N, C-alpha and C. Protein backbone atom coordinates (compact mmCIF):
# COMPACT_ATOMS: atom_id res chain seq x y z
N UNK A 1 -208.90 106.45 99.67
CA UNK A 1 -208.49 107.57 98.91
C UNK A 1 -207.81 107.42 97.70
N UNK A 2 -208.25 108.31 96.72
CA UNK A 2 -207.72 108.23 95.34
C UNK A 2 -206.29 109.06 94.81
N UNK A 3 -206.14 109.82 95.98
CA UNK A 3 -204.89 110.53 96.11
C UNK A 3 -205.05 111.76 95.26
N UNK A 4 -206.17 112.10 94.77
CA UNK A 4 -206.17 113.28 94.09
C UNK A 4 -205.82 114.48 94.82
N UNK A 5 -205.17 115.44 94.12
CA UNK A 5 -204.25 116.31 94.96
C UNK A 5 -204.55 117.87 94.28
N UNK A 6 -205.16 118.72 94.89
CA UNK A 6 -205.46 120.05 94.35
C UNK A 6 -204.87 121.20 94.79
N UNK A 7 -203.85 122.00 94.03
CA UNK A 7 -203.06 123.14 94.69
C UNK A 7 -203.58 124.45 93.96
N UNK A 8 -202.81 125.25 94.08
CA UNK A 8 -202.89 126.73 93.51
C UNK A 8 -202.59 126.72 92.00
N UNK A 9 -203.07 127.73 91.30
CA UNK A 9 -202.58 127.79 89.93
C UNK A 9 -202.23 129.32 90.00
N UNK A 10 -200.77 129.48 90.02
CA UNK A 10 -200.20 130.80 89.96
C UNK A 10 -199.18 131.05 88.87
N UNK A 11 -199.48 132.09 88.21
CA UNK A 11 -198.64 132.37 86.97
C UNK A 11 -198.37 131.53 85.66
N UNK A 12 -199.64 130.89 85.45
CA UNK A 12 -200.04 130.09 84.54
C UNK A 12 -199.38 128.80 84.74
N UNK A 13 -199.25 128.16 85.95
CA UNK A 13 -198.71 126.64 86.26
C UNK A 13 -199.37 126.35 87.62
N UNK A 14 -199.37 124.81 87.87
CA UNK A 14 -199.50 124.61 89.16
C UNK A 14 -198.28 125.05 89.90
N UNK A 15 -199.03 125.52 91.28
CA UNK A 15 -197.89 126.01 92.26
C UNK A 15 -196.97 124.85 92.64
N UNK A 16 -195.76 124.79 92.98
CA UNK A 16 -195.11 123.92 93.46
C UNK A 16 -194.32 123.78 94.64
N UNK A 17 -194.96 124.74 95.52
CA UNK A 17 -194.70 124.60 96.88
C UNK A 17 -195.21 123.86 97.76
N UNK A 18 -194.92 123.79 98.95
CA UNK A 18 -195.15 122.80 99.98
C UNK A 18 -196.13 123.71 100.98
N UNK A 19 -197.70 123.16 100.86
CA UNK A 19 -198.62 123.96 101.59
C UNK A 19 -198.33 123.48 102.93
N UNK A 20 -198.30 124.71 103.80
CA UNK A 20 -198.41 124.77 105.51
C UNK A 20 -199.48 123.87 105.97
N UNK A 21 -201.03 124.28 105.20
CA UNK A 21 -202.03 123.60 105.92
C UNK A 21 -202.58 123.16 104.54
N UNK A 22 -203.57 121.90 104.66
CA UNK A 22 -204.34 121.50 103.58
C UNK A 22 -205.68 120.86 104.21
N UNK A 23 -206.67 120.54 103.61
CA UNK A 23 -207.80 120.01 103.69
C UNK A 23 -208.31 118.53 103.21
N UNK A 24 -208.87 118.07 103.53
CA UNK A 24 -209.47 116.67 102.94
C UNK A 24 -210.60 117.32 101.94
N UNK A 25 -210.76 116.27 100.91
CA UNK A 25 -211.91 116.52 100.05
C UNK A 25 -212.65 115.50 100.16
N UNK A 26 -213.86 115.67 100.18
CA UNK A 26 -214.78 114.57 100.89
C UNK A 26 -215.98 114.24 99.52
N UNK A 27 -216.22 113.26 99.08
CA UNK A 27 -217.48 112.84 98.58
C UNK A 27 -218.73 113.09 99.37
N UNK A 28 -219.50 113.87 99.09
CA UNK A 28 -220.43 114.14 100.05
C UNK A 28 -221.51 113.13 100.30
N UNK A 29 -221.63 112.16 99.05
CA UNK A 29 -222.36 111.16 98.89
C UNK A 29 -222.07 110.06 99.96
N UNK A 30 -220.81 109.78 99.93
CA UNK A 30 -220.31 108.82 100.63
C UNK A 30 -219.55 109.20 102.02
N UNK A 31 -219.08 110.34 102.30
CA UNK A 31 -218.25 110.54 103.18
C UNK A 31 -216.90 110.18 102.89
N UNK A 32 -216.50 109.55 101.88
CA UNK A 32 -215.03 109.05 101.59
C UNK A 32 -214.23 110.25 101.05
N UNK A 33 -213.25 110.07 101.68
CA UNK A 33 -211.97 111.32 101.49
C UNK A 33 -211.77 110.82 100.04
N UNK A 34 -211.65 111.45 99.11
CA UNK A 34 -211.15 111.59 97.80
C UNK A 34 -209.91 112.23 97.41
N UNK A 35 -209.37 112.93 98.24
CA UNK A 35 -208.19 113.75 97.87
C UNK A 35 -207.57 114.63 98.88
N UNK A 36 -206.98 115.71 98.67
CA UNK A 36 -206.65 116.77 99.51
C UNK A 36 -206.51 118.08 98.71
N UNK A 37 -206.71 119.05 99.28
CA UNK A 37 -206.49 120.48 98.73
C UNK A 37 -205.59 121.64 99.50
N UNK A 38 -204.81 122.20 98.96
CA UNK A 38 -204.01 122.96 99.54
C UNK A 38 -204.64 124.09 99.84
N UNK A 39 -204.61 124.68 101.33
CA UNK A 39 -204.60 126.04 101.80
C UNK A 39 -203.83 126.97 101.31
N UNK A 40 -204.12 128.32 101.34
CA UNK A 40 -203.05 129.45 100.87
C UNK A 40 -202.62 130.11 102.09
N UNK A 41 -201.34 130.20 102.27
CA UNK A 41 -201.25 131.21 103.39
C UNK A 41 -201.00 132.59 102.80
N UNK A 42 -200.87 133.59 103.71
CA UNK A 42 -200.71 134.88 103.26
C UNK A 42 -199.64 135.08 102.12
N UNK A 43 -198.53 134.46 102.37
CA UNK A 43 -197.36 134.66 101.43
C UNK A 43 -197.73 133.88 100.09
N UNK A 44 -198.68 132.96 99.95
CA UNK A 44 -199.08 132.31 98.79
C UNK A 44 -200.02 133.23 98.14
N UNK A 45 -200.79 133.89 98.97
CA UNK A 45 -201.85 134.68 98.32
C UNK A 45 -200.96 136.08 97.68
N UNK A 46 -200.14 136.49 98.43
CA UNK A 46 -199.28 137.55 98.02
C UNK A 46 -198.67 137.00 96.65
N UNK A 47 -197.81 135.94 96.54
CA UNK A 47 -197.20 135.47 95.24
C UNK A 47 -198.23 135.38 94.13
N UNK A 48 -199.61 135.13 94.32
CA UNK A 48 -200.68 134.75 93.28
C UNK A 48 -201.04 136.33 93.00
N UNK A 49 -200.94 137.28 93.98
CA UNK A 49 -201.34 138.61 93.29
C UNK A 49 -199.91 139.38 92.56
N UNK A 50 -198.77 138.95 92.89
CA UNK A 50 -197.77 139.46 92.50
C UNK A 50 -197.79 138.99 91.03
N UNK A 51 -198.09 137.56 90.66
CA UNK A 51 -198.01 137.31 89.43
C UNK A 51 -198.98 137.71 88.56
N UNK A 52 -200.20 137.89 89.09
CA UNK A 52 -201.34 138.53 88.15
C UNK A 52 -200.80 140.02 87.90
N UNK A 53 -200.41 140.77 88.91
CA UNK A 53 -199.77 142.29 88.83
C UNK A 53 -198.80 142.19 87.48
N UNK A 54 -198.05 141.23 87.60
CA UNK A 54 -196.72 141.25 86.47
C UNK A 54 -197.49 140.76 85.19
N UNK A 55 -198.23 140.09 84.92
CA UNK A 55 -199.11 139.64 83.73
C UNK A 55 -200.28 140.88 83.19
N UNK A 56 -200.57 141.80 84.27
CA UNK A 56 -201.48 142.75 83.91
C UNK A 56 -201.22 143.56 82.38
N UNK A 57 -199.68 144.17 82.56
CA UNK A 57 -199.80 145.14 81.66
C UNK A 57 -199.86 144.32 80.11
N UNK A 58 -199.21 143.38 80.13
CA UNK A 58 -199.54 142.41 78.79
C UNK A 58 -200.91 142.25 78.44
N UNK A 59 -201.87 141.90 79.52
CA UNK A 59 -203.03 141.87 79.03
C UNK A 59 -203.79 143.04 78.92
N UNK A 60 -203.73 144.10 79.72
CA UNK A 60 -204.28 145.53 79.53
C UNK A 60 -203.97 145.89 77.94
N UNK A 61 -202.75 145.52 77.80
CA UNK A 61 -202.30 146.15 76.18
C UNK A 61 -202.88 145.15 75.15
N UNK A 62 -203.66 143.94 75.64
CA UNK A 62 -204.10 143.04 74.53
C UNK A 62 -205.54 143.90 73.75
N UNK A 63 -205.62 143.44 72.30
CA UNK A 63 -206.70 144.26 72.01
C UNK A 63 -208.21 143.62 72.40
N UNK A 64 -209.19 144.30 72.34
CA UNK A 64 -210.51 143.58 72.66
C UNK A 64 -210.72 142.45 71.76
N UNK A 65 -210.67 142.46 70.33
CA UNK A 65 -210.61 141.20 69.62
C UNK A 65 -209.77 140.06 70.27
N UNK A 66 -208.54 140.37 70.91
CA UNK A 66 -207.88 139.17 71.36
C UNK A 66 -208.62 138.74 72.64
N UNK A 67 -208.94 139.65 73.57
CA UNK A 67 -209.44 139.25 74.79
C UNK A 67 -210.96 138.31 74.46
N UNK A 68 -211.62 138.90 73.44
CA UNK A 68 -212.78 138.19 73.10
C UNK A 68 -212.46 136.81 72.59
N UNK A 69 -211.45 136.69 71.76
CA UNK A 69 -210.68 135.48 71.13
C UNK A 69 -210.64 134.34 72.47
N UNK A 70 -209.84 134.94 73.39
CA UNK A 70 -209.68 134.18 74.73
C UNK A 70 -210.96 133.70 75.10
N UNK A 71 -211.67 134.62 75.39
CA UNK A 71 -213.21 134.19 75.96
C UNK A 71 -213.92 133.14 75.19
N UNK A 72 -213.88 133.27 73.98
CA UNK A 72 -214.49 132.46 72.79
C UNK A 72 -213.80 130.88 73.17
N UNK A 73 -212.34 130.73 73.47
CA UNK A 73 -211.94 129.62 73.28
C UNK A 73 -212.37 128.98 74.90
N UNK A 74 -212.27 129.81 75.97
CA UNK A 74 -213.04 129.48 77.21
C UNK A 74 -214.20 129.03 76.98
N UNK A 75 -215.12 129.47 76.34
CA UNK A 75 -216.42 129.12 75.90
C UNK A 75 -216.63 127.50 75.26
N UNK A 76 -215.72 127.40 74.24
CA UNK A 76 -215.45 126.16 73.85
C UNK A 76 -215.24 124.91 74.64
N UNK A 77 -214.19 125.52 75.72
CA UNK A 77 -213.62 124.35 76.48
C UNK A 77 -214.81 123.92 77.41
N UNK A 78 -215.45 125.21 77.96
CA UNK A 78 -216.47 124.72 78.73
C UNK A 78 -217.74 123.90 78.27
N UNK A 79 -218.05 124.12 76.88
CA UNK A 79 -219.03 123.65 76.37
C UNK A 79 -218.54 122.05 75.97
N UNK A 80 -217.13 121.89 75.53
CA UNK A 80 -216.85 120.63 75.57
C UNK A 80 -216.73 119.57 77.03
N UNK A 81 -216.61 120.31 78.00
CA UNK A 81 -216.41 119.56 79.07
C UNK A 81 -217.56 119.69 80.27
N UNK A 82 -218.75 120.16 79.85
CA UNK A 82 -219.74 120.43 80.69
C UNK A 82 -220.11 119.24 81.52
N UNK A 83 -220.34 118.22 81.02
CA UNK A 83 -220.68 116.82 81.77
C UNK A 83 -219.38 116.59 82.66
N UNK A 84 -218.17 116.49 82.52
CA UNK A 84 -216.79 116.59 83.51
C UNK A 84 -217.21 117.37 84.35
N UNK A 85 -217.35 119.00 84.15
CA UNK A 85 -217.51 119.78 85.24
C UNK A 85 -218.69 119.59 85.96
N UNK A 86 -219.88 119.18 85.48
CA UNK A 86 -220.72 118.96 86.50
C UNK A 86 -220.79 117.46 87.27
N UNK A 87 -220.19 116.68 86.83
CA UNK A 87 -219.65 115.63 87.52
C UNK A 87 -218.72 115.90 88.75
N UNK A 88 -217.54 116.89 88.61
CA UNK A 88 -216.91 117.48 89.67
C UNK A 88 -217.61 118.27 90.62
N UNK A 89 -218.56 118.98 90.35
CA UNK A 89 -219.35 119.65 90.91
C UNK A 89 -220.21 118.57 91.99
N UNK A 90 -220.89 117.78 91.57
CA UNK A 90 -221.61 116.79 92.16
C UNK A 90 -220.95 115.98 93.02
N UNK A 91 -219.70 115.42 92.55
CA UNK A 91 -218.74 114.78 93.56
C UNK A 91 -218.33 115.65 94.85
N UNK A 92 -217.91 116.76 94.39
CA UNK A 92 -217.19 117.50 95.33
C UNK A 92 -217.91 118.64 96.17
N UNK A 93 -219.37 118.46 95.72
CA UNK A 93 -220.02 119.71 96.48
C UNK A 93 -221.39 119.15 96.89
N UNK A 94 -221.88 117.98 96.35
CA UNK A 94 -223.11 117.15 96.72
C UNK A 94 -224.31 117.53 95.98
N UNK A 95 -224.01 118.28 94.98
CA UNK A 95 -225.08 118.85 94.02
C UNK A 95 -225.63 117.45 93.27
N UNK A 96 -227.00 117.26 92.87
CA UNK A 96 -227.51 116.30 92.11
C UNK A 96 -226.86 116.85 90.55
N UNK A 97 -226.90 115.84 89.96
CA UNK A 97 -226.31 115.63 88.38
C UNK A 97 -226.83 116.79 87.76
N UNK A 98 -228.19 116.93 87.91
CA UNK A 98 -229.16 117.94 87.03
C UNK A 98 -228.73 119.14 87.28
N UNK A 99 -228.55 119.33 88.62
CA UNK A 99 -228.54 120.82 89.36
C UNK A 99 -226.95 121.22 89.08
N UNK A 100 -226.07 120.33 89.11
CA UNK A 100 -224.72 120.84 88.51
C UNK A 100 -224.78 120.90 87.20
N UNK A 101 -225.25 120.42 86.35
CA UNK A 101 -225.25 120.51 85.06
C UNK A 101 -225.92 122.21 84.77
N UNK A 102 -226.99 122.65 85.49
CA UNK A 102 -227.79 123.54 85.15
C UNK A 102 -226.79 124.82 85.42
N UNK A 103 -226.00 124.48 86.60
CA UNK A 103 -225.13 125.61 87.21
C UNK A 103 -223.82 125.82 86.06
N UNK A 104 -223.29 124.65 85.43
CA UNK A 104 -222.37 125.11 84.48
C UNK A 104 -222.98 125.56 83.33
N UNK A 105 -224.04 125.24 82.69
CA UNK A 105 -224.92 125.89 81.67
C UNK A 105 -225.24 127.27 81.97
N UNK A 106 -225.68 127.75 83.26
CA UNK A 106 -225.65 129.12 83.41
C UNK A 106 -224.57 130.11 83.57
N UNK A 107 -223.52 129.49 84.19
CA UNK A 107 -222.17 129.83 83.87
C UNK A 107 -221.81 130.00 82.34
N UNK A 108 -222.02 129.08 81.52
CA UNK A 108 -221.72 129.43 80.03
C UNK A 108 -222.32 130.43 79.77
N UNK A 109 -223.64 130.61 79.96
CA UNK A 109 -224.40 131.76 79.47
C UNK A 109 -223.75 132.96 79.73
N UNK A 110 -223.01 133.19 80.89
CA UNK A 110 -222.42 134.31 81.08
C UNK A 110 -221.27 134.65 80.50
N UNK A 111 -220.49 133.56 80.14
CA UNK A 111 -219.46 133.46 79.41
C UNK A 111 -219.60 134.04 77.79
N UNK A 112 -220.80 133.14 77.25
CA UNK A 112 -221.09 133.81 76.03
C UNK A 112 -221.45 135.35 75.92
N UNK A 113 -222.04 135.85 77.09
CA UNK A 113 -222.56 137.20 77.20
C UNK A 113 -220.95 138.09 77.10
N UNK A 114 -220.16 137.66 77.75
CA UNK A 114 -218.70 138.39 77.83
C UNK A 114 -218.05 138.06 76.45
N UNK A 115 -218.41 137.07 75.62
CA UNK A 115 -217.86 137.16 74.49
C UNK A 115 -218.13 138.33 73.38
N UNK A 116 -219.12 138.99 73.84
CA UNK A 116 -219.71 140.20 72.99
C UNK A 116 -218.98 141.55 73.80
N UNK A 117 -217.93 141.35 74.74
CA UNK A 117 -217.61 142.61 75.74
C UNK A 117 -217.22 143.73 74.86
N UNK A 118 -216.53 143.27 73.75
CA UNK A 118 -215.68 144.51 73.01
C UNK A 118 -216.89 145.47 72.45
N UNK A 119 -218.11 145.05 72.04
CA UNK A 119 -219.19 146.20 71.88
C UNK A 119 -219.71 146.85 73.32
N UNK A 120 -219.73 146.13 74.29
CA UNK A 120 -219.96 146.93 75.60
C UNK A 120 -219.03 147.79 76.09
N UNK A 121 -217.68 147.70 75.76
CA UNK A 121 -216.28 148.26 76.24
C UNK A 121 -216.07 149.51 75.42
N UNK A 122 -216.90 149.92 74.30
CA UNK A 122 -216.35 150.77 73.42
C UNK A 122 -216.52 152.23 73.96
N UNK A 123 -217.31 152.46 75.19
CA UNK A 123 -217.16 154.10 75.72
C UNK A 123 -218.08 154.90 74.99
N UNK A 124 -218.36 155.84 75.18
CA UNK A 124 -219.06 156.87 74.55
C UNK A 124 -218.87 158.38 74.67
N UNK A 125 -219.45 159.22 73.79
CA UNK A 125 -219.43 160.47 73.48
C UNK A 125 -220.52 161.29 73.54
N UNK A 126 -220.75 162.46 74.34
CA UNK A 126 -222.03 162.78 74.13
C UNK A 126 -221.80 164.49 73.89
N UNK A 127 -222.30 164.88 73.11
CA UNK A 127 -221.69 166.20 72.61
C UNK A 127 -222.69 167.33 73.21
N UNK A 128 -222.30 168.23 73.70
CA UNK A 128 -223.18 169.45 74.48
C UNK A 128 -224.15 169.34 75.37
N UNK A 129 -223.60 168.36 76.56
CA UNK A 129 -224.20 167.78 77.44
C UNK A 129 -224.98 169.06 78.45
N UNK A 130 -223.94 169.91 78.17
CA UNK A 130 -224.56 171.29 78.79
C UNK A 130 -224.03 172.35 78.10
N UNK A 131 -224.20 173.49 78.22
CA UNK A 131 -223.67 174.59 77.33
C UNK A 131 -222.15 174.39 77.18
N UNK A 132 -221.63 174.08 76.03
CA UNK A 132 -220.50 174.13 75.59
C UNK A 132 -219.43 172.99 76.46
N UNK A 133 -220.27 171.80 76.87
CA UNK A 133 -219.60 170.81 77.98
C UNK A 133 -219.84 169.54 76.95
N UNK A 134 -218.79 168.75 76.54
CA UNK A 134 -219.11 167.62 76.04
C UNK A 134 -218.64 166.47 77.21
N UNK A 135 -219.26 165.36 77.23
CA UNK A 135 -218.79 164.33 78.05
C UNK A 135 -218.35 162.99 77.24
N UNK A 136 -217.48 162.17 77.98
CA UNK A 136 -217.27 161.05 77.18
C UNK A 136 -216.71 160.02 78.31
N UNK A 137 -216.96 158.67 77.92
CA UNK A 137 -216.47 157.60 78.83
C UNK A 137 -215.27 156.77 78.24
N UNK A 138 -214.65 156.06 79.07
CA UNK A 138 -213.61 155.37 78.51
C UNK A 138 -213.64 154.12 79.39
N UNK A 139 -213.56 152.79 79.00
CA UNK A 139 -213.61 151.72 79.93
C UNK A 139 -212.40 151.28 79.43
N UNK A 140 -211.45 150.98 80.82
CA UNK A 140 -210.22 150.43 80.56
C UNK A 140 -209.93 149.21 81.73
N UNK A 141 -209.19 148.25 81.60
CA UNK A 141 -208.85 147.60 82.69
C UNK A 141 -208.01 148.16 83.84
N UNK A 142 -208.21 147.81 84.99
CA UNK A 142 -207.82 148.60 85.93
C UNK A 142 -206.62 147.98 86.91
N UNK A 143 -206.75 146.50 86.81
CA UNK A 143 -205.72 145.89 87.52
C UNK A 143 -206.20 144.42 88.13
N UNK A 144 -205.41 143.89 88.95
CA UNK A 144 -205.89 142.66 89.80
C UNK A 144 -207.04 142.77 90.63
N UNK A 145 -207.86 141.83 90.55
CA UNK A 145 -209.39 141.71 91.12
C UNK A 145 -209.11 140.11 91.98
N UNK A 146 -210.03 140.13 93.00
CA UNK A 146 -209.84 138.74 93.72
C UNK A 146 -211.52 138.69 94.06
N UNK A 147 -212.01 137.50 94.38
CA UNK A 147 -213.71 137.33 94.73
C UNK A 147 -213.63 136.28 95.57
N UNK A 148 -214.28 136.27 96.45
CA UNK A 148 -214.79 135.48 97.52
C UNK A 148 -216.36 134.93 97.27
N UNK A 149 -216.49 133.66 96.43
CA UNK A 149 -217.82 133.08 95.97
C UNK A 149 -218.34 132.26 97.07
N UNK A 150 -219.66 131.96 97.13
CA UNK A 150 -220.47 131.25 97.88
C UNK A 150 -220.16 129.82 97.58
N UNK A 151 -220.10 129.02 98.64
CA UNK A 151 -219.99 127.46 98.62
C UNK A 151 -220.68 126.73 97.47
N UNK A 152 -222.18 127.26 97.50
CA UNK A 152 -223.14 126.58 97.17
C UNK A 152 -223.36 126.61 95.66
N UNK A 153 -222.41 127.63 95.03
CA UNK A 153 -222.33 127.70 93.66
C UNK A 153 -220.74 127.84 93.02
N UNK A 154 -220.12 126.75 93.17
CA UNK A 154 -218.77 126.66 92.92
C UNK A 154 -218.43 127.03 91.58
N UNK A 155 -219.10 127.02 90.63
CA UNK A 155 -218.86 127.11 89.24
C UNK A 155 -219.30 128.55 88.72
N UNK A 156 -220.77 128.71 88.85
CA UNK A 156 -221.50 129.68 88.07
C UNK A 156 -221.16 131.00 88.68
N UNK A 157 -221.02 131.12 89.75
CA UNK A 157 -220.60 132.61 90.48
C UNK A 157 -219.26 132.86 90.15
N UNK A 158 -218.00 132.19 90.13
CA UNK A 158 -217.12 132.42 89.98
C UNK A 158 -217.03 132.85 88.32
N UNK A 159 -217.66 131.92 87.45
CA UNK A 159 -217.70 132.32 85.94
C UNK A 159 -218.15 133.94 85.97
N UNK A 160 -219.27 134.27 86.70
CA UNK A 160 -219.69 135.37 86.65
C UNK A 160 -218.78 136.55 86.78
N UNK A 161 -217.86 136.40 87.80
CA UNK A 161 -216.96 137.39 88.06
C UNK A 161 -215.53 137.25 87.21
N UNK A 162 -215.08 136.29 87.01
CA UNK A 162 -213.88 136.30 86.32
C UNK A 162 -213.78 136.42 85.11
N UNK A 163 -215.15 136.07 84.43
CA UNK A 163 -215.58 136.26 83.07
C UNK A 163 -215.30 137.77 82.81
N UNK A 164 -216.03 138.57 83.48
CA UNK A 164 -216.22 139.83 83.15
C UNK A 164 -214.90 140.56 83.60
N UNK A 165 -214.26 140.09 84.65
CA UNK A 165 -212.91 140.75 84.96
C UNK A 165 -211.93 140.37 83.86
N UNK A 166 -212.05 139.37 83.15
CA UNK A 166 -210.81 138.96 82.12
C UNK A 166 -210.96 139.91 80.87
N UNK A 167 -212.24 140.07 80.61
CA UNK A 167 -212.77 140.95 79.47
C UNK A 167 -212.32 142.27 79.50
């Protein structure tokens, strides 16, 4: 075993607690145990939600230009590390290299779409939709979200979810 250890990321840093439960990480091609991953207890999930809720007001107050800038930076990191990410998907999920690279590429497309989110979040106004009635829409961040994603798309589906949630 290589000793790789994956833990939670809470409040902008790796979690420093001791997990009540953990699991082995296997190389699907060889069956070799390559590391361990911490499993979250209900209290650890509560801590993650609390940290996200604490960070939310600052993020909600961030301008659309600032949010787009964060997404552009994320996009550049994904593009720079596509091969590394594909190798991790292959090593930890058993996808062949080409399929893993395609998954990262499709996730990258979603991130690129989200980089243009300021335009899509403008809202709208329609005058006189009925006699003497105007209608408008406002798009605003609502709060903390969570997602449960399928095991067979460990990068692409989460990128769909959190990219739009971040925007």
